[in-house]
Amino acid sequence: MNETMKTILERRSVRSFSSGPVAEEILKDLADAAMHAPSGMCRKTWKFTVVMNQEIIKRLAKVIEKVLDRPGYDMYNPVALIIPSNERDSKYGREDNACALQNIFLAAESYGVGSVWINQLTGICDTPEVREILNEMEIPENHIVYGIAALGFANPNATKPAYREIGEVKIIR
């Protein structure tokens, strides 16, 4: 089996991170992987924001907790985030960002970095408390965040979820 298939088949969402940092060079590589994702009509109307600042990450989690009324919400305490955002009027923005996130998750797995998709911002980007933090991170006012890659090394005490085979593959000849 080639390395790409091995990475795809071994990747799992990590929902418990250790506190060890992820090297900035790895985070830059993950953002580069995102920028190489396919984009509808190759418009690439996105922006990628890499956040290593723990104070900002914790504030964002607290705002999400408050706005969505999710007591204890902490985005699984990641050590870094990559936040793809896309122009509100982009016809394929949601799909483009999904492709970019998948590239981030696969590249992270190839480096041994754990990842999980955080999708809570999609409907609340324009809530004043959320927009204040997005503005602080220089995410444009005309952008929506469809998902976030929460990143860090997996907590060694956490168990890796087993693969669940759901769905069906049908080959038609």
Protein backbone atom coordinates (compact mmCIF):
# COMPACT_ATOMS: atom_id res chain seq x y z
CA MET A 1 0.00 0.00 0.00
CA ASN A 2 1.37 3.44 -0.85
CA GLU A 3 1.99 6.10 1.81
CA THR A 4 -0.93 8.30 0.75
CA MET A 5 -3.43 5.46 1.10
CA LYS A 6 -1.87 4.46 4.42
CA THR A 7 -2.28 8.03 5.73
CA ILE A 8 -5.90 8.20 4.55
CA LEU A 9 -6.80 4.87 6.13
CA GLU A 10 -5.05 5.59 9.45
CA ARG A 11 -6.32 9.14 10.06
CA ARG A 12 -8.78 9.52 12.93
CA SER A 13 -10.17 12.55 14.73
CA VAL A 14 -8.31 13.34 17.94
CA ARG A 15 -10.43 14.70 20.77
CA SER A 16 -7.82 14.77 23.51
CA PHE A 17 -4.57 16.65 22.95
CA SER A 18 -1.36 16.74 24.97
CA SER A 19 0.07 20.15 25.81
CA GLY A 20 3.22 19.75 23.68
CA PRO A 21 3.61 22.37 20.94
CA VAL A 22 3.43 21.69 17.21
CA ALA A 23 6.41 23.19 15.38
CA GLU A 24 5.64 26.33 13.41
CA GLU A 25 7.24 24.79 10.31
CA ILE A 26 4.77 21.89 10.46
CA LEU A 27 1.86 24.33 10.82
CA LYS A 28 3.13 26.25 7.79
CA ASP A 29 3.27 22.98 5.84
CA LEU A 30 -0.31 22.18 6.86
CA ALA A 31 -1.48 25.62 5.70
CA ASP A 32 0.41 25.06 2.43
CA ALA A 33 -1.38 21.73 2.01
CA ALA A 34 -4.68 23.59 2.49
CA MET A 35 -3.78 26.15 -0.17
CA HIS A 36 -3.13 23.31 -2.62
CA ALA A 37 -6.65 21.90 -2.22
CA PRO A 38 -9.01 21.99 -5.18
CA SER A 39 -11.20 25.06 -5.45
CA GLY A 40 -14.36 25.59 -7.52
CA MET A 41 -13.34 27.20 -10.81
CA CYS A 42 -9.88 27.63 -9.19
CA ARG A 43 -11.08 30.91 -7.65
CA LYS A 44 -9.40 30.27 -4.28
CA THR A 45 -11.47 32.90 -2.45
CA TRP A 46 -10.19 31.67 0.89
CA LYS A 47 -7.84 32.82 3.61
CA PHE A 48 -6.02 30.62 6.14
CA THR A 49 -5.30 31.86 9.64
CA VAL A 50 -2.90 29.86 11.81
CA VAL A 51 -3.39 30.48 15.53
CA MET A 52 -0.79 29.36 18.06
CA ASN A 53 -1.72 31.92 20.73
CA GLN A 54 -3.32 29.95 23.58
CA GLU A 55 -5.08 32.99 25.01
CA ILE A 56 -6.90 33.59 21.71
CA ILE A 57 -7.78 29.89 21.34
CA LYS A 58 -9.23 29.78 24.86
CA ARG A 59 -11.17 33.02 24.34
CA LEU A 60 -12.64 31.70 21.08
CA ALA A 61 -13.69 28.47 22.81
CA LYS A 62 -15.30 30.47 25.65
CA VAL A 63 -17.24 32.63 23.19
CA ILE A 64 -18.47 29.53 21.32
CA GLU A 65 -19.44 27.99 24.68
CA LYS A 66 -21.46 31.10 25.56
CA VAL A 67 -23.11 31.76 22.18
CA LEU A 68 -24.11 28.12 21.61
CA ASP A 69 -24.89 27.44 25.29
CA ARG A 70 -22.50 24.50 25.46
CA PRO A 71 -21.19 24.38 29.05
CA GLY A 72 -17.59 23.21 29.27
CA TYR A 73 -16.92 23.55 25.54
CA ASP A 74 -13.17 23.84 24.91
CA MET A 75 -12.53 22.64 21.32
CA TYR A 76 -10.69 19.71 22.96
CA ASN A 77 -7.90 22.06 24.13
CA PRO A 78 -5.84 22.16 20.92
CA VAL A 79 -2.37 23.69 20.87
CA ALA A 80 -3.03 25.32 17.48
CA LEU A 81 -5.82 26.08 15.04
CA ILE A 82 -5.90 26.55 11.32
CA ILE A 83 -8.97 28.56 10.42
CA PRO A 84 -9.96 28.56 6.77
CA SER A 85 -12.38 31.34 5.95
CA ASN A 86 -14.05 32.10 2.66
CA GLU A 87 -15.86 34.97 1.03
CA ARG A 88 -19.51 35.03 2.03
CA ASP A 89 -20.56 35.34 -1.64
CA SER A 90 -18.28 32.57 -2.93
CA LYS A 91 -20.50 30.07 -4.73
CA TYR A 92 -18.28 27.14 -3.71
CA GLY A 93 -16.79 28.52 -0.49
CA ARG A 94 -18.15 25.79 1.78
CA GLU A 95 -16.95 23.00 -0.52
CA ASP A 96 -13.58 24.67 -1.12
CA ASN A 97 -12.96 24.97 2.62
CA ALA A 98 -14.00 21.34 3.18
CA CYS A 99 -11.38 20.23 0.64
CA ALA A 100 -8.78 22.47 2.30
CA LEU A 101 -9.61 21.05 5.74
CA GLN A 102 -9.28 17.49 4.44
CA ASN A 103 -5.83 18.33 3.10
CA ILE A 104 -4.91 19.75 6.53
CA PHE A 105 -6.13 16.61 8.31
CA LEU A 106 -4.26 14.25 5.98
CA ALA A 107 -1.06 16.29 6.08
CA ALA A 108 -1.31 16.47 9.89
CA GLU A 109 -1.60 12.67 10.06
CA SER A 110 1.49 12.34 7.88
CA TYR A 111 3.43 14.39 10.48
CA GLY A 112 1.99 12.47 13.43
CA VAL A 113 -0.09 15.50 14.46
CA GLY A 114 -3.62 14.90 15.69
CA SER A 115 -6.55 16.86 14.30
CA VAL A 116 -10.28 17.27 14.60
CA TRP A 117 -12.84 19.28 12.63
CA ILE A 118 -14.49 22.03 14.69
CA ASN A 119 -17.67 23.17 12.92
CA GLN A 120 -19.36 25.40 15.48
CA LEU A 121 -18.62 28.78 13.85
CA THR A 122 -20.58 28.27 10.63
CA GLY A 123 -23.80 29.87 11.80
CA ILE A 124 -22.40 32.29 14.39
CA CYS A 125 -19.60 34.18 12.59
CA ASP A 126 -21.58 37.41 12.66
CA THR A 127 -22.49 37.21 16.34
CA PRO A 128 -20.79 40.31 17.79
CA GLU A 129 -18.69 38.36 20.33
CA VAL A 130 -17.44 35.93 17.68
CA ARG A 131 -16.87 38.64 15.05
CA GLU A 132 -14.79 40.61 17.56
CA ILE A 133 -12.32 37.71 17.87
CA LEU A 134 -12.37 37.03 14.11
CA ASN A 135 -11.58 40.71 13.51
CA GLU A 136 -8.72 40.50 16.00
CA MET A 137 -7.33 37.61 13.93
CA GLU A 138 -7.78 39.71 10.76
CA ILE A 139 -10.36 37.38 9.27
CA PRO A 140 -12.21 39.63 6.82
CA GLU A 141 -15.73 40.84 7.66
CA ASN A 142 -16.99 39.38 4.37
CA HIS A 143 -15.69 35.90 5.26
CA ILE A 144 -17.44 32.94 6.85
CA VAL A 145 -15.71 30.19 8.81
CA TYR A 146 -17.18 26.83 7.78
CA GLY A 147 -14.80 24.74 9.85
CA ILE A 148 -11.63 24.87 11.91
CA ALA A 149 -8.78 22.38 12.16
CA ALA A 150 -7.95 21.94 15.84
CA LEU A 151 -4.43 20.54 16.09
CA GLY A 152 -2.00 19.03 18.56
CA PHE A 153 -0.32 15.80 19.47
CA ALA A 154 -2.73 13.16 20.69
CA ASN A 155 -2.90 12.63 24.43
CA PRO A 156 -0.96 9.38 24.91
CA ASN A 157 -3.59 8.17 27.40
CA ALA A 158 -6.46 8.57 24.93
CA THR A 159 -7.54 5.64 22.82
CA LYS A 160 -7.62 6.04 19.07
CA PRO A 161 -11.15 5.47 17.78
CA ALA A 162 -11.61 2.33 15.74
CA TYR A 163 -12.61 2.63 12.12
CA ARG A 164 -16.32 2.12 11.59
CA GLU A 165 -17.27 0.87 8.16
CA ILE A 166 -20.34 2.81 7.18
CA GLY A 167 -21.63 3.11 3.67
CA GLU A 168 -21.24 0.99 0.63
CA VAL A 169 -19.02 0.83 -2.41
CA LYS A 170 -20.76 -0.34 -5.54
CA ILE A 171 -18.75 -0.99 -8.69
CA ILE A 172 -20.71 -0.96 -11.92
CA ARG A 173 -19.10 -2.54 -14.95
